[in-house]
Amino acid sequence: MIGDYKHLVTFQDPVDVPDGVGGYTQTWHDLTPPTWKVQIAPVSATDQERSSGGTVMTAVLATVRGHYHPGVTTRTRMLYNGKTYQITAATAVDDRPPTMELMAVEQGTP
């Protein structure tokens, strides 16, 4: 539901930038639009075990749901509340309105 989208996040993709000596450096660039309202829910240990074949995973997983953002892929990272999450799966779940569901792993601070 739209009212559940209370977390304002920033989505970014990696971009290669010339380093001035013939090579490239990877940096992060905000998507257009960069900020998005979503719902973030932690994944329980039971759900983590189920999704990983009975093995308990040490990473902090979250399910993210919101209106569809055409730029979000598994290359995308999400910034929220001083933490960085790597998007590990992206699925379109509803057509009206277009909605996406993401799986994300916490990576630490940006």
N, C-alpha and C. Protein backbone atom coordinates (compact mmCIF):
# COMPACT_ATOMS: atom_id res chain seq x y z
N MET A 1 0.82 -1.18 0.00
CA MET A 1 0.00 0.00 0.00
C MET A 1 0.87 1.25 0.00
N ILE A 2 0.39 2.30 -0.61
CA ILE A 2 1.16 3.52 -0.75
C ILE A 2 1.54 4.09 0.61
N GLY A 3 0.64 4.04 1.60
CA GLY A 3 0.92 4.56 2.93
C GLY A 3 2.04 3.83 3.63
N ASP A 4 2.34 2.61 3.20
CA ASP A 4 3.42 1.84 3.80
C ASP A 4 4.79 2.25 3.27
N TYR A 5 4.83 3.04 2.22
CA TYR A 5 6.10 3.46 1.62
C TYR A 5 6.61 4.70 2.36
N LYS A 6 7.15 4.48 3.57
CA LYS A 6 7.54 5.59 4.43
C LYS A 6 9.05 5.78 4.54
N HIS A 7 9.83 4.89 3.93
CA HIS A 7 11.29 4.99 4.00
C HIS A 7 11.80 5.66 2.73
N LEU A 8 12.46 6.81 2.89
CA LEU A 8 13.02 7.52 1.74
C LEU A 8 14.46 7.04 1.54
N VAL A 9 14.71 6.39 0.42
CA VAL A 9 16.02 5.82 0.12
C VAL A 9 16.62 6.51 -1.10
N THR A 10 17.92 6.32 -1.29
CA THR A 10 18.61 6.80 -2.48
C THR A 10 19.16 5.58 -3.21
N PHE A 11 18.90 5.52 -4.52
CA PHE A 11 19.43 4.44 -5.35
C PHE A 11 20.61 4.95 -6.15
N GLN A 12 21.68 4.14 -6.24
CA GLN A 12 22.87 4.50 -7.00
C GLN A 12 23.37 3.32 -7.79
N ASP A 13 24.00 3.61 -8.94
CA ASP A 13 24.63 2.60 -9.77
C ASP A 13 26.12 2.91 -9.90
N PRO A 14 26.95 1.89 -10.10
CA PRO A 14 28.37 2.13 -10.31
C PRO A 14 28.61 2.74 -11.69
N VAL A 15 29.57 3.64 -11.76
CA VAL A 15 29.92 4.31 -13.02
C VAL A 15 31.44 4.34 -13.12
N ASP A 16 31.97 4.03 -14.31
CA ASP A 16 33.40 4.13 -14.55
C ASP A 16 33.74 5.55 -14.98
N VAL A 17 34.71 6.17 -14.29
CA VAL A 17 35.12 7.55 -14.56
C VAL A 17 36.60 7.53 -14.94
N PRO A 18 36.98 8.22 -16.03
CA PRO A 18 38.40 8.27 -16.41
C PRO A 18 39.25 8.78 -15.25
N ASP A 19 40.40 8.11 -15.02
CA ASP A 19 41.27 8.51 -13.91
C ASP A 19 42.36 9.51 -14.33
N GLY A 20 42.38 9.89 -15.61
CA GLY A 20 43.34 10.88 -16.08
C GLY A 20 44.66 10.30 -16.54
N VAL A 21 44.87 9.01 -16.35
CA VAL A 21 46.12 8.38 -16.79
C VAL A 21 45.84 7.17 -17.68
N GLY A 22 44.69 7.19 -18.34
CA GLY A 22 44.36 6.14 -19.29
C GLY A 22 43.51 5.00 -18.75
N GLY A 23 43.22 5.03 -17.46
CA GLY A 23 42.39 3.99 -16.86
C GLY A 23 41.07 4.56 -16.36
N TYR A 24 40.40 3.77 -15.57
CA TYR A 24 39.11 4.18 -15.03
C TYR A 24 39.03 3.87 -13.54
N THR A 25 38.25 4.66 -12.85
CA THR A 25 37.94 4.44 -11.44
C THR A 25 36.44 4.30 -11.33
N GLN A 26 36.00 3.35 -10.51
CA GLN A 26 34.56 3.17 -10.34
C GLN A 26 34.07 4.04 -9.19
N THR A 27 32.99 4.76 -9.43
CA THR A 27 32.36 5.59 -8.42
C THR A 27 30.86 5.33 -8.48
N TRP A 28 30.12 5.93 -7.58
CA TRP A 28 28.67 5.72 -7.53
C TRP A 28 27.95 6.97 -7.98
N HIS A 29 26.89 6.78 -8.78
CA HIS A 29 26.12 7.88 -9.34
C HIS A 29 24.65 7.66 -9.02
N ASP A 30 23.99 8.71 -8.55
CA ASP A 30 22.56 8.62 -8.23
C ASP A 30 21.74 8.31 -9.48
N LEU A 31 20.73 7.45 -9.32
CA LEU A 31 19.80 7.19 -10.41
C LEU A 31 18.90 8.40 -10.59
N THR A 32 18.13 8.41 -11.68
CA THR A 32 17.17 9.48 -11.93
C THR A 32 15.77 8.90 -11.89
N PRO A 33 14.93 9.30 -10.97
CA PRO A 33 15.21 10.13 -9.81
C PRO A 33 16.00 9.34 -8.77
N PRO A 34 16.80 10.03 -7.94
CA PRO A 34 17.66 9.32 -7.00
C PRO A 34 16.92 8.81 -5.76
N THR A 35 15.96 9.58 -5.27
CA THR A 35 15.28 9.17 -4.04
C THR A 35 13.93 8.54 -4.37
N TRP A 36 13.53 7.62 -3.49
CA TRP A 36 12.33 6.82 -3.75
C TRP A 36 11.73 6.43 -2.41
N LYS A 37 10.42 6.47 -2.30
CA LYS A 37 9.72 6.02 -1.09
C LYS A 37 9.45 4.53 -1.21
N VAL A 38 9.89 3.77 -0.20
CA VAL A 38 9.71 2.32 -0.21
C VAL A 38 9.33 1.84 1.20
N GLN A 39 9.02 0.58 1.27
CA GLN A 39 8.81 -0.10 2.55
C GLN A 39 9.99 -1.06 2.72
N ILE A 40 10.65 -1.00 3.87
CA ILE A 40 11.78 -1.88 4.15
C ILE A 40 11.38 -2.78 5.33
N ALA A 41 11.50 -4.08 5.12
CA ALA A 41 11.19 -5.04 6.18
C ALA A 41 12.35 -6.00 6.34
N PRO A 42 12.84 -6.18 7.58
CA PRO A 42 13.92 -7.15 7.77
C PRO A 42 13.42 -8.56 7.48
N VAL A 43 14.31 -9.39 7.00
CA VAL A 43 13.98 -10.78 6.74
C VAL A 43 14.34 -11.57 8.00
N SER A 44 13.40 -12.36 8.50
CA SER A 44 13.63 -13.13 9.72
C SER A 44 14.66 -14.24 9.48
N ALA A 45 15.24 -14.73 10.58
CA ALA A 45 16.21 -15.83 10.47
C ALA A 45 15.55 -17.06 9.84
N THR A 46 14.28 -17.30 10.17
CA THR A 46 13.56 -18.43 9.58
C THR A 46 13.45 -18.28 8.07
N ASP A 47 13.09 -17.06 7.61
CA ASP A 47 12.99 -16.81 6.17
C ASP A 47 14.35 -16.93 5.50
N GLN A 48 15.41 -16.48 6.19
CA GLN A 48 16.76 -16.59 5.63
C GLN A 48 17.15 -18.05 5.46
N GLU A 49 16.82 -18.87 6.45
CA GLU A 49 17.13 -20.30 6.35
C GLU A 49 16.38 -20.93 5.19
N ARG A 50 15.12 -20.58 5.05
CA ARG A 50 14.29 -21.14 3.97
C ARG A 50 14.84 -20.73 2.62
N SER A 51 15.28 -19.46 2.48
CA SER A 51 15.76 -18.99 1.18
C SER A 51 17.18 -19.47 0.87
N SER A 52 17.88 -19.98 1.88
CA SER A 52 19.26 -20.42 1.64
C SER A 52 19.43 -21.92 1.84
N GLY A 53 18.35 -22.67 1.72
CA GLY A 53 18.45 -24.12 1.81
C GLY A 53 18.78 -24.64 3.19
N GLY A 54 18.31 -23.97 4.24
CA GLY A 54 18.52 -24.45 5.60
C GLY A 54 19.79 -23.95 6.25
N THR A 55 20.59 -23.20 5.54
CA THR A 55 21.82 -22.64 6.10
C THR A 55 21.55 -21.24 6.61
N VAL A 56 21.95 -20.95 7.83
CA VAL A 56 21.75 -19.61 8.38
C VAL A 56 22.80 -18.69 7.78
N MET A 57 22.33 -17.60 7.20
CA MET A 57 23.23 -16.64 6.59
C MET A 57 23.57 -15.55 7.60
N THR A 58 24.80 -15.04 7.56
CA THR A 58 25.22 -14.03 8.52
C THR A 58 24.89 -12.61 8.06
N ALA A 59 24.59 -12.41 6.79
CA ALA A 59 24.29 -11.08 6.27
C ALA A 59 22.91 -10.64 6.74
N VAL A 60 22.75 -9.33 6.92
CA VAL A 60 21.46 -8.76 7.27
C VAL A 60 20.69 -8.57 5.98
N LEU A 61 19.58 -9.28 5.85
CA LEU A 61 18.77 -9.19 4.64
C LEU A 61 17.53 -8.35 4.89
N ALA A 62 17.07 -7.69 3.84
CA ALA A 62 15.84 -6.91 3.92
C ALA A 62 15.05 -7.11 2.64
N THR A 63 13.73 -7.06 2.78
CA THR A 63 12.84 -7.03 1.64
C THR A 63 12.40 -5.58 1.46
N VAL A 64 12.51 -5.08 0.25
CA VAL A 64 12.17 -3.70 -0.05
C VAL A 64 11.06 -3.72 -1.08
N ARG A 65 9.99 -2.98 -0.82
CA ARG A 65 8.86 -2.95 -1.75
C ARG A 65 8.48 -1.50 -2.02
N GLY A 66 8.18 -1.19 -3.27
CA GLY A 66 7.79 0.17 -3.63
C GLY A 66 7.29 0.22 -5.05
N HIS A 67 6.93 1.42 -5.47
CA HIS A 67 6.54 1.60 -6.87
C HIS A 67 7.74 1.25 -7.74
N TYR A 68 7.47 0.75 -8.91
CA TYR A 68 8.51 0.32 -9.84
C TYR A 68 9.43 1.49 -10.19
N HIS A 69 10.73 1.27 -10.11
CA HIS A 69 11.75 2.24 -10.53
C HIS A 69 12.51 1.59 -11.67
N PRO A 70 12.43 2.13 -12.89
CA PRO A 70 13.03 1.46 -14.06
C PRO A 70 14.55 1.33 -14.02
N GLY A 71 15.23 2.09 -13.17
CA GLY A 71 16.68 2.04 -13.14
C GLY A 71 17.27 1.03 -12.17
N VAL A 72 16.46 0.46 -11.30
CA VAL A 72 16.98 -0.43 -10.26
C VAL A 72 17.25 -1.83 -10.82
N THR A 73 18.49 -2.31 -10.63
CA THR A 73 18.90 -3.65 -11.05
C THR A 73 19.75 -4.26 -9.92
N THR A 74 20.31 -5.41 -10.17
CA THR A 74 21.18 -6.03 -9.17
C THR A 74 22.56 -5.36 -9.12
N ARG A 75 22.81 -4.40 -9.99
CA ARG A 75 24.04 -3.58 -9.90
C ARG A 75 23.83 -2.40 -8.95
N THR A 76 22.58 -2.11 -8.63
CA THR A 76 22.21 -0.94 -7.85
C THR A 76 22.48 -1.15 -6.36
N ARG A 77 22.85 -0.07 -5.69
CA ARG A 77 22.89 -0.10 -4.24
C ARG A 77 21.87 0.91 -3.72
N MET A 78 21.44 0.70 -2.47
CA MET A 78 20.44 1.54 -1.84
C MET A 78 21.03 2.12 -0.56
N LEU A 79 20.89 3.42 -0.39
CA LEU A 79 21.36 4.10 0.82
C LEU A 79 20.14 4.45 1.66
N TYR A 80 20.21 4.08 2.95
CA TYR A 80 19.10 4.42 3.85
C TYR A 80 19.63 4.52 5.28
N ASN A 81 19.35 5.63 5.91
CA ASN A 81 19.63 5.82 7.33
C ASN A 81 21.09 5.51 7.68
N GLY A 82 22.03 5.96 6.84
CA GLY A 82 23.44 5.78 7.10
C GLY A 82 23.98 4.40 6.76
N LYS A 83 23.15 3.56 6.16
CA LYS A 83 23.57 2.21 5.80
C LYS A 83 23.49 2.03 4.28
N THR A 84 24.31 1.10 3.78
CA THR A 84 24.33 0.79 2.36
C THR A 84 23.85 -0.64 2.18
N TYR A 85 22.94 -0.84 1.23
CA TYR A 85 22.40 -2.16 0.92
C TYR A 85 22.67 -2.48 -0.54
N GLN A 86 23.17 -3.66 -0.82
CA GLN A 86 23.33 -4.12 -2.20
C GLN A 86 22.06 -4.84 -2.61
N ILE A 87 21.51 -4.46 -3.75
CA ILE A 87 20.31 -5.14 -4.27
C ILE A 87 20.76 -6.48 -4.85
N THR A 88 20.19 -7.57 -4.36
CA THR A 88 20.57 -8.90 -4.82
C THR A 88 19.51 -9.54 -5.70
N ALA A 89 18.30 -9.00 -5.68
CA ALA A 89 17.22 -9.51 -6.55
C ALA A 89 16.20 -8.40 -6.73
N ALA A 90 15.66 -8.30 -7.94
CA ALA A 90 14.63 -7.31 -8.25
C ALA A 90 13.54 -7.98 -9.06
N THR A 91 12.30 -7.84 -8.59
CA THR A 91 11.17 -8.49 -9.24
C THR A 91 10.01 -7.52 -9.37
N ALA A 92 9.37 -7.48 -10.52
CA ALA A 92 8.12 -6.75 -10.68
C ALA A 92 7.02 -7.64 -10.13
N VAL A 93 6.19 -7.11 -9.20
CA VAL A 93 5.20 -7.96 -8.54
C VAL A 93 3.76 -7.62 -8.89
N ASP A 94 3.45 -6.39 -9.22
CA ASP A 94 2.09 -6.00 -9.55
C ASP A 94 2.10 -5.07 -10.76
N ASP A 95 1.02 -5.11 -11.52
CA ASP A 95 0.92 -4.23 -12.68
C ASP A 95 0.25 -2.90 -12.36
N ARG A 96 -0.67 -2.86 -11.40
CA ARG A 96 -1.43 -1.65 -11.12
C ARG A 96 -1.42 -1.33 -9.65
N PRO A 97 -0.75 -0.30 -9.23
CA PRO A 97 0.29 0.40 -9.98
C PRO A 97 1.52 -0.50 -10.10
N PRO A 98 2.39 -0.23 -11.05
CA PRO A 98 3.59 -1.05 -11.19
C PRO A 98 4.39 -1.04 -9.88
N THR A 99 4.66 -2.22 -9.34
CA THR A 99 5.33 -2.36 -8.05
C THR A 99 6.53 -3.29 -8.20
N MET A 100 7.56 -3.03 -7.40
CA MET A 100 8.73 -3.90 -7.42
C MET A 100 9.00 -4.41 -6.01
N GLU A 101 9.63 -5.56 -5.96
CA GLU A 101 10.09 -6.11 -4.68
C GLU A 101 11.57 -6.44 -4.85
N LEU A 102 12.37 -6.00 -3.89
CA LEU A 102 13.81 -6.17 -3.94
C LEU A 102 14.28 -6.96 -2.73
N MET A 103 15.33 -7.73 -2.90
CA MET A 103 16.05 -8.32 -1.78
C MET A 103 17.35 -7.53 -1.67
N ALA A 104 17.72 -7.17 -0.45
CA ALA A 104 18.91 -6.35 -0.25
C ALA A 104 19.73 -6.89 0.90
N VAL A 105 21.05 -6.78 0.79
CA VAL A 105 21.98 -7.21 1.83
C VAL A 105 22.69 -5.97 2.34
N GLU A 106 22.70 -5.80 3.66
CA GLU A 106 23.36 -4.65 4.26
C GLU A 106 24.87 -4.76 4.08
N GLN A 107 25.48 -3.67 3.59
CA GLN A 107 26.92 -3.64 3.32
C GLN A 107 27.69 -2.79 4.32
N GLY A 108 27.04 -2.09 5.22
CA GLY A 108 27.73 -1.20 6.15
C GLY A 108 27.45 0.23 5.80
N THR A 109 28.34 1.13 6.15
CA THR A 109 28.12 2.55 5.90
C THR A 109 28.61 2.94 4.51
N PRO A 110 27.94 3.92 3.87
CA PRO A 110 28.34 4.33 2.52
C PRO A 110 29.68 5.06 2.51
